Amino acid sequence: KSRVSNIKTARQIAMFLLAEELSLSTTKIASEVGVKDHTTVMHGIKKIRTDLKLNFALREQIDAIKEKIYG
């Protein structure tokens, strides 16, 4: 439940991947990652989608995470 930037970003990436890869609802994601409200999840997913358009390092990090998950 920390708001420290690196923890917040990691949580947002997790929310993004749960939504994109597993098609979980925002309510389900909220309960899985321990946030109070589904709107927090919606904001986190939107933030990562926006950042992916400009931040190539973030895109590479997410691709690396997917590679580790899927092999």
PDB file of N, CA and C in Angstrom:
ATOM      1  N   LYS A   1       0.821  -1.199   0.000  1.00  0.00           N
ATOM      2  CA  LYS A   1       0.000   0.000   0.000  1.00  0.00           C
ATOM      3  C   LYS A   1       0.859   1.255   0.000  1.00  0.00           C
ATOM      4  N   SER A   2       2.103   1.089  -0.373  1.00  0.00           N
ATOM      5  CA  SER A   2       3.033   2.207  -0.383  1.00  0.00           C
ATOM      6  C   SER A   2       2.814   3.086  -1.612  1.00  0.00           C
ATOM      7  N   ARG A   3       3.109   4.359  -1.442  1.00  0.00           N
ATOM      8  CA  ARG A   3       3.032   5.285  -2.567  1.00  0.00           C
ATOM      9  C   ARG A   3       4.417   5.671  -3.067  1.00  0.00           C
ATOM     10  N   VAL A   4       5.432   4.981  -2.601  1.00  0.00           N
ATOM     11  CA  VAL A   4       6.784   5.230  -3.080  1.00  0.00           C
ATOM     12  C   VAL A   4       6.777   4.970  -4.585  1.00  0.00           C
ATOM     13  N   SER A   5       7.430   5.838  -5.331  1.00  0.00           N
ATOM     14  CA  SER A   5       7.332   5.831  -6.781  1.00  0.00           C
ATOM     15  C   SER A   5       7.648   4.478  -7.418  1.00  0.00           C
ATOM     16  N   ASN A   6       8.774   3.859  -7.039  1.00  0.00           N
ATOM     17  CA  ASN A   6       9.134   2.601  -7.695  1.00  0.00           C
ATOM     18  C   ASN A   6       8.155   1.481  -7.348  1.00  0.00           C
ATOM     19  N   ILE A   7       7.604   1.498  -6.154  1.00  0.00           N
ATOM     20  CA  ILE A   7       6.612   0.493  -5.768  1.00  0.00           C
ATOM     21  C   ILE A   7       5.298   0.768  -6.489  1.00  0.00           C
ATOM     22  N   LYS A   8       4.940   2.035  -6.586  1.00  0.00           N
ATOM     23  CA  LYS A   8       3.707   2.418  -7.277  1.00  0.00           C
ATOM     24  C   LYS A   8       3.770   1.996  -8.741  1.00  0.00           C
ATOM     25  N   THR A   9       4.891   2.243  -9.390  1.00  0.00           N
ATOM     26  CA  THR A   9       5.044   1.872 -10.796  1.00  0.00           C
ATOM     27  C   THR A   9       4.990   0.359 -10.978  1.00  0.00           C
ATOM     28  N   ALA A  10       5.634  -0.372 -10.090  1.00  0.00           N
ATOM     29  CA  ALA A  10       5.598  -1.840 -10.169  1.00  0.00           C
ATOM     30  C   ALA A  10       4.166  -2.345 -10.019  1.00  0.00           C
ATOM     31  N   ARG A  11       3.420  -1.758  -9.097  1.00  0.00           N
ATOM     32  CA  ARG A  11       2.023  -2.144  -8.900  1.00  0.00           C
ATOM     33  C   ARG A  11       1.197  -1.818 -10.144  1.00  0.00           C
ATOM     34  N   GLN A  12       1.447  -0.665 -10.762  1.00  0.00           N
ATOM     35  CA  GLN A  12       0.720  -0.290 -11.970  1.00  0.00           C
ATOM     36  C   GLN A  12       1.042  -1.234 -13.122  1.00  0.00           C
ATOM     37  N   ILE A  13       2.292  -1.653 -13.232  1.00  0.00           N
ATOM     38  CA  ILE A  13       2.666  -2.622 -14.269  1.00  0.00           C
ATOM     39  C   ILE A  13       1.953  -3.942 -14.027  1.00  0.00           C
ATOM     40  N   ALA A  14       1.902  -4.367 -12.778  1.00  0.00           N
ATOM     41  CA  ALA A  14       1.193  -5.608 -12.443  1.00  0.00           C
ATOM     42  C   ALA A  14      -0.286  -5.498 -12.822  1.00  0.00           C
ATOM     43  N   MET A  15      -0.902  -4.374 -12.501  1.00  0.00           N
ATOM     44  CA  MET A  15      -2.315  -4.174 -12.846  1.00  0.00           C
ATOM     45  C   MET A  15      -2.508  -4.199 -14.355  1.00  0.00           C
ATOM     46  N   PHE A  16      -1.599  -3.547 -15.075  1.00  0.00           N
ATOM     47  CA  PHE A  16      -1.664  -3.522 -16.534  1.00  0.00           C
ATOM     48  C   PHE A  16      -1.575  -4.933 -17.107  1.00  0.00           C
ATOM     49  N   LEU A  17      -0.619  -5.721 -16.625  1.00  0.00           N
ATOM     50  CA  LEU A  17      -0.449  -7.078 -17.132  1.00  0.00           C
ATOM     51  C   LEU A  17      -1.641  -7.968 -16.782  1.00  0.00           C
ATOM     52  N   LEU A  18      -2.183  -7.826 -15.588  1.00  0.00           N
ATOM     53  CA  LEU A  18      -3.362  -8.611 -15.213  1.00  0.00           C
ATOM     54  C   LEU A  18      -4.544  -8.283 -16.122  1.00  0.00           C
ATOM     55  N   ALA A  19      -4.679  -7.015 -16.479  1.00  0.00           N
ATOM     56  CA  ALA A  19      -5.776  -6.610 -17.361  1.00  0.00           C
ATOM     57  C   ALA A  19      -5.535  -7.076 -18.797  1.00  0.00           C
ATOM     58  N   GLU A  20      -4.325  -6.844 -19.304  1.00  0.00           N
ATOM     59  CA  GLU A  20      -4.024  -7.138 -20.705  1.00  0.00           C
ATOM     60  C   GLU A  20      -3.861  -8.631 -20.982  1.00  0.00           C
ATOM     61  N   GLU A  21      -3.156  -9.307 -20.114  1.00  0.00           N
ATOM     62  CA  GLU A  21      -2.821 -10.705 -20.383  1.00  0.00           C
ATOM     63  C   GLU A  21      -3.882 -11.683 -19.877  1.00  0.00           C
ATOM     64  N   LEU A  22      -4.532 -11.356 -18.771  1.00  0.00           N
ATOM     65  CA  LEU A  22      -5.508 -12.283 -18.186  1.00  0.00           C
ATOM     66  C   LEU A  22      -6.945 -11.798 -18.325  1.00  0.00           C
ATOM     67  N   SER A  23      -7.114 -10.584 -18.821  1.00  0.00           N
ATOM     68  CA  SER A  23      -8.449  -9.994 -19.005  1.00  0.00           C
ATOM     69  C   SER A  23      -9.278 -10.007 -17.722  1.00  0.00           C
ATOM     70  N   LEU A  24      -8.612  -9.754 -16.597  1.00  0.00           N
ATOM     71  CA  LEU A  24      -9.330  -9.690 -15.326  1.00  0.00           C
ATOM     72  C   LEU A  24     -10.072  -8.357 -15.221  1.00  0.00           C
ATOM     73  N   SER A  25     -11.167  -8.361 -14.495  1.00  0.00           N
ATOM     74  CA  SER A  25     -11.920  -7.126 -14.272  1.00  0.00           C
ATOM     75  C   SER A  25     -11.126  -6.210 -13.335  1.00  0.00           C
ATOM     76  N   THR A  26     -11.436  -4.935 -13.397  1.00  0.00           N
ATOM     77  CA  THR A  26     -10.732  -3.988 -12.539  1.00  0.00           C
ATOM     78  C   THR A  26     -11.030  -4.254 -11.064  1.00  0.00           C
ATOM     79  N   THR A  27     -12.222  -4.717 -10.766  1.00  0.00           N
ATOM     80  CA  THR A  27     -12.566  -5.058  -9.383  1.00  0.00           C
ATOM     81  C   THR A  27     -11.724  -6.230  -8.892  1.00  0.00           C
ATOM     82  N   LYS A  28     -11.572  -7.252  -9.721  1.00  0.00           N
ATOM     83  CA  LYS A  28     -10.774  -8.423  -9.359  1.00  0.00           C
ATOM     84  C   LYS A  28      -9.307  -8.027  -9.196  1.00  0.00           C
ATOM     85  N   ILE A  29      -8.802  -7.207 -10.102  1.00  0.00           N
ATOM     86  CA  ILE A  29      -7.411  -6.751 -10.018  1.00  0.00           C
ATOM     87  C   ILE A  29      -7.193  -5.972  -8.726  1.00  0.00           C
ATOM     88  N   ALA A  30      -8.134  -5.104  -8.378  1.00  0.00           N
ATOM     89  CA  ALA A  30      -8.018  -4.314  -7.151  1.00  0.00           C
ATOM     90  C   ALA A  30      -7.870  -5.216  -5.935  1.00  0.00           C
ATOM     91  N   SER A  31      -8.668  -6.272  -5.881  1.00  0.00           N
ATOM     92  CA  SER A  31      -8.566  -7.172  -4.727  1.00  0.00           C
ATOM     93  C   SER A  31      -7.264  -7.967  -4.750  1.00  0.00           C
ATOM     94  N   GLU A  32      -6.757  -8.297  -5.923  1.00  0.00           N
ATOM     95  CA  GLU A  32      -5.520  -9.069  -6.036  1.00  0.00           C
ATOM     96  C   GLU A  32      -4.278  -8.263  -5.654  1.00  0.00           C
ATOM     97  N   VAL A  33      -4.244  -6.995  -6.028  1.00  0.00           N
ATOM     98  CA  VAL A  33      -3.055  -6.186  -5.745  1.00  0.00           C
ATOM     99  C   VAL A  33      -3.187  -5.354  -4.468  1.00  0.00           C
ATOM    100  N   GLY A  34      -4.344  -5.429  -3.834  1.00  0.00           N
ATOM    101  CA  GLY A  34      -4.509  -4.778  -2.538  1.00  0.00           C
ATOM    102  C   GLY A  34      -4.773  -3.292  -2.572  1.00  0.00           C
ATOM    103  N   VAL A  35      -5.481  -2.841  -3.590  1.00  0.00           N
ATOM    104  CA  VAL A  35      -5.897  -1.439  -3.603  1.00  0.00           C
ATOM    105  C   VAL A  35      -7.374  -1.370  -3.262  1.00  0.00           C
ATOM    106  N   LYS A  36      -7.805  -0.226  -2.780  1.00  0.00           N
ATOM    107  CA  LYS A  36      -9.159  -0.102  -2.246  1.00  0.00           C
ATOM    108  C   LYS A  36     -10.242  -0.063  -3.312  1.00  0.00           C
ATOM    109  N   ASP A  37      -9.929   0.502  -4.457  1.00  0.00           N
ATOM    110  CA  ASP A  37     -10.985   0.840  -5.403  1.00  0.00           C
ATOM    111  C   ASP A  37     -10.588   0.460  -6.825  1.00  0.00           C
ATOM    112  N   HIS A  38     -11.573   0.053  -7.606  1.00  0.00           N
ATOM    113  CA  HIS A  38     -11.303  -0.306  -9.001  1.00  0.00           C
ATOM    114  C   HIS A  38     -10.875   0.901  -9.828  1.00  0.00           C
ATOM    115  N   THR A  39     -11.233   2.119  -9.380  1.00  0.00           N
ATOM    116  CA  THR A  39     -10.819   3.300 -10.139  1.00  0.00           C
ATOM    117  C   THR A  39      -9.308   3.520 -10.046  1.00  0.00           C
ATOM    118  N   THR A  40      -8.698   3.088  -8.946  1.00  0.00           N
ATOM    119  CA  THR A  40      -7.236   3.140  -8.819  1.00  0.00           C
ATOM    120  C   THR A  40      -6.611   2.239  -9.880  1.00  0.00           C
ATOM    121  N   VAL A  41      -7.219   1.090 -10.098  1.00  0.00           N
ATOM    122  CA  VAL A  41      -6.736   0.158 -11.120  1.00  0.00           C
ATOM    123  C   VAL A  41      -6.898   0.782 -12.497  1.00  0.00           C
ATOM    124  N   MET A  42      -8.041   1.390 -12.755  1.00  0.00           N
ATOM    125  CA  MET A  42      -8.274   2.029 -14.055  1.00  0.00           C
ATOM    126  C   MET A  42      -7.225   3.107 -14.324  1.00  0.00           C
ATOM    127  N   HIS A  43      -6.913   3.898 -13.305  1.00  0.00           N
ATOM    128  CA  HIS A  43      -5.900   4.943 -13.450  1.00  0.00           C
ATOM    129  C   HIS A  43      -4.524   4.331 -13.730  1.00  0.00           C
ATOM    130  N   GLY A  44      -4.178   3.281 -12.990  1.00  0.00           N
ATOM    131  CA  GLY A  44      -2.872   2.639 -13.172  1.00  0.00           C
ATOM    132  C   GLY A  44      -2.702   2.058 -14.562  1.00  0.00           C
ATOM    133  N   ILE A  45      -3.735   1.399 -15.059  1.00  0.00           N
ATOM    134  CA  ILE A  45      -3.683   0.818 -16.408  1.00  0.00           C
ATOM    135  C   ILE A  45      -3.546   1.922 -17.453  1.00  0.00           C
ATOM    136  N   LYS A  46      -4.332   2.985 -17.290  1.00  0.00           N
ATOM    137  CA  LYS A  46      -4.263   4.112 -18.235  1.00  0.00           C
ATOM    138  C   LYS A  46      -2.880   4.757 -18.214  1.00  0.00           C
ATOM    139  N   LYS A  47      -2.316   4.898 -17.019  1.00  0.00           N
ATOM    140  CA  LYS A  47      -0.985   5.501 -16.879  1.00  0.00           C
ATOM    141  C   LYS A  47       0.068   4.679 -17.613  1.00  0.00           C
ATOM    142  N   ILE A  48       0.042   3.363 -17.452  1.00  0.00           N
ATOM    143  CA  ILE A  48       1.025   2.518 -18.121  1.00  0.00           C
ATOM    144  C   ILE A  48       0.819   2.558 -19.635  1.00  0.00           C
ATOM    145  N   ARG A  49      -0.420   2.513 -20.089  1.00  0.00           N
ATOM    146  CA  ARG A  49      -0.689   2.597 -21.538  1.00  0.00           C
ATOM    147  C   ARG A  49      -0.147   3.894 -22.119  1.00  0.00           C
ATOM    148  N   THR A  50      -0.347   4.986 -21.413  1.00  0.00           N
ATOM    149  CA  THR A  50       0.162   6.287 -21.871  1.00  0.00           C
ATOM    150  C   THR A  50       1.687   6.302 -21.867  1.00  0.00           C
ATOM    151  N   ASP A  51       2.284   5.804 -20.797  1.00  0.00           N
ATOM    152  CA  ASP A  51       3.742   5.793 -20.683  1.00  0.00           C
ATOM    153  C   ASP A  51       4.389   4.898 -21.737  1.00  0.00           C
ATOM    154  N   LEU A  52       3.722   3.822 -22.128  1.00  0.00           N
ATOM    155  CA  LEU A  52       4.289   2.912 -23.130  1.00  0.00           C
ATOM    156  C   LEU A  52       4.486   3.593 -24.488  1.00  0.00           C
ATOM    157  N   LYS A  53       3.681   4.602 -24.763  1.00  0.00           N
ATOM    158  CA  LYS A  53       3.791   5.309 -26.046  1.00  0.00           C
ATOM    159  C   LYS A  53       5.089   6.111 -26.142  1.00  0.00           C
ATOM    160  N   LEU A  54       5.618   6.541 -25.005  1.00  0.00           N
ATOM    161  CA  LEU A  54       6.785   7.429 -25.004  1.00  0.00           C
ATOM    162  C   LEU A  54       8.024   6.826 -24.361  1.00  0.00           C
ATOM    163  N   ASN A  55       7.830   5.868 -23.483  1.00  0.00           N
ATOM    164  CA  ASN A  55       8.931   5.349 -22.679  1.00  0.00           C
ATOM    165  C   ASN A  55       9.365   3.976 -23.195  1.00  0.00           C
ATOM    166  N   PHE A  56      10.402   3.974 -24.001  1.00  0.00           N
ATOM    167  CA  PHE A  56      10.871   2.722 -24.606  1.00  0.00           C
ATOM    168  C   PHE A  56      11.488   1.786 -23.573  1.00  0.00           C
ATOM    169  N   ALA A  57      12.073   2.335 -22.514  1.00  0.00           N
ATOM    170  CA  ALA A  57      12.639   1.502 -21.449  1.00  0.00           C
ATOM    171  C   ALA A  57      11.530   0.730 -20.736  1.00  0.00           C
ATOM    172  N   LEU A  58      10.412   1.383 -20.504  1.00  0.00           N
ATOM    173  CA  LEU A  58       9.269   0.716 -19.885  1.00  0.00           C
ATOM    174  C   LEU A  58       8.755  -0.395 -20.789  1.00  0.00           C
ATOM    175  N   ARG A  59       8.688  -0.119 -22.070  1.00  0.00           N
ATOM    176  CA  ARG A  59       8.238  -1.135 -23.034  1.00  0.00           C
ATOM    177  C   ARG A  59       9.154  -2.359 -22.986  1.00  0.00           C
ATOM    178  N   GLU A  60      10.455  -2.125 -22.909  1.00  0.00           N
ATOM    179  CA  GLU A  60      11.413  -3.227 -22.823  1.00  0.00           C
ATOM    180  C   GLU A  60      11.260  -3.998 -21.512  1.00  0.00           C
ATOM    181  N   GLN A  61      11.013  -3.287 -20.419  1.00  0.00           N
ATOM    182  CA  GLN A  61      10.817  -3.955 -19.127  1.00  0.00           C
ATOM    183  C   GLN A  61       9.582  -4.857 -19.158  1.00  0.00           C
ATOM    184  N   ILE A  62       8.508  -4.362 -19.721  1.00  0.00           N
ATOM    185  CA  ILE A  62       7.281  -5.163 -19.793  1.00  0.00           C
ATOM    186  C   ILE A  62       7.474  -6.348 -20.725  1.00  0.00           C
ATOM    187  N   ASP A  63       8.174  -6.151 -21.829  1.00  0.00           N
ATOM    188  CA  ASP A  63       8.475  -7.270 -22.726  1.00  0.00           C
ATOM    189  C   ASP A  63       9.321  -8.327 -22.016  1.00  0.00           C
ATOM    190  N   ALA A  64      10.278  -7.886 -21.194  1.00  0.00           N
ATOM    191  CA  ALA A  64      11.121  -8.823 -20.440  1.00  0.00           C
ATOM    192  C   ALA A  64      10.295  -9.606 -19.416  1.00  0.00           C
ATOM    193  N   ILE A  65       9.353  -8.938 -18.786  1.00  0.00           N
ATOM    194  CA  ILE A  65       8.473  -9.622 -17.830  1.00  0.00           C
ATOM    195  C   ILE A  65       7.639 -10.678 -18.554  1.00  0.00           C
ATOM    196  N   LYS A  66       7.089 -10.314 -19.700  1.00  0.00           N
ATOM    197  CA  LYS A  66       6.288 -11.270 -20.479  1.00  0.00           C
ATOM    198  C   LYS A  66       7.138 -12.456 -20.915  1.00  0.00           C
ATOM    199  N   GLU A  67       8.381 -12.197 -21.293  1.00  0.00           N
ATOM    200  CA  GLU A  67       9.295 -13.264 -21.711  1.00  0.00           C
ATOM    201  C   GLU A  67       9.540 -14.241 -20.551  1.00  0.00           C
ATOM    202  N   LYS A  68       9.709 -13.699 -19.357  1.00  0.00           N
ATOM    203  CA  LYS A  68       9.914 -14.566 -18.193  1.00  0.00           C
ATOM    204  C   LYS A  68       8.666 -15.383 -17.878  1.00  0.00           C
ATOM    205  N   ILE A  69       7.519 -14.796 -18.071  1.00  0.00           N
ATOM    206  CA  ILE A  69       6.264 -15.496 -17.782  1.00  0.00           C
ATOM    207  C   ILE A  69       6.013 -16.592 -18.811  1.00  0.00           C
ATOM    208  N   TYR A  70       6.161 -16.258 -20.076  1.00  0.00           N
ATOM    209  CA  TYR A  70       5.771 -17.176 -21.136  1.00  0.00           C
ATOM    210  C   TYR A  70       6.921 -18.021 -21.677  1.00  0.00           C
ATOM    211  N   GLY A  71       8.146 -17.642 -21.315  1.00  0.00           N
ATOM    212  CA  GLY A  71       9.301 -18.424 -21.742  1.00  0.00           C
ATOM    213  C   GLY A  71       9.654 -18.165 -23.100  1.00  0.00           C
TER     214      GLY A  71
END
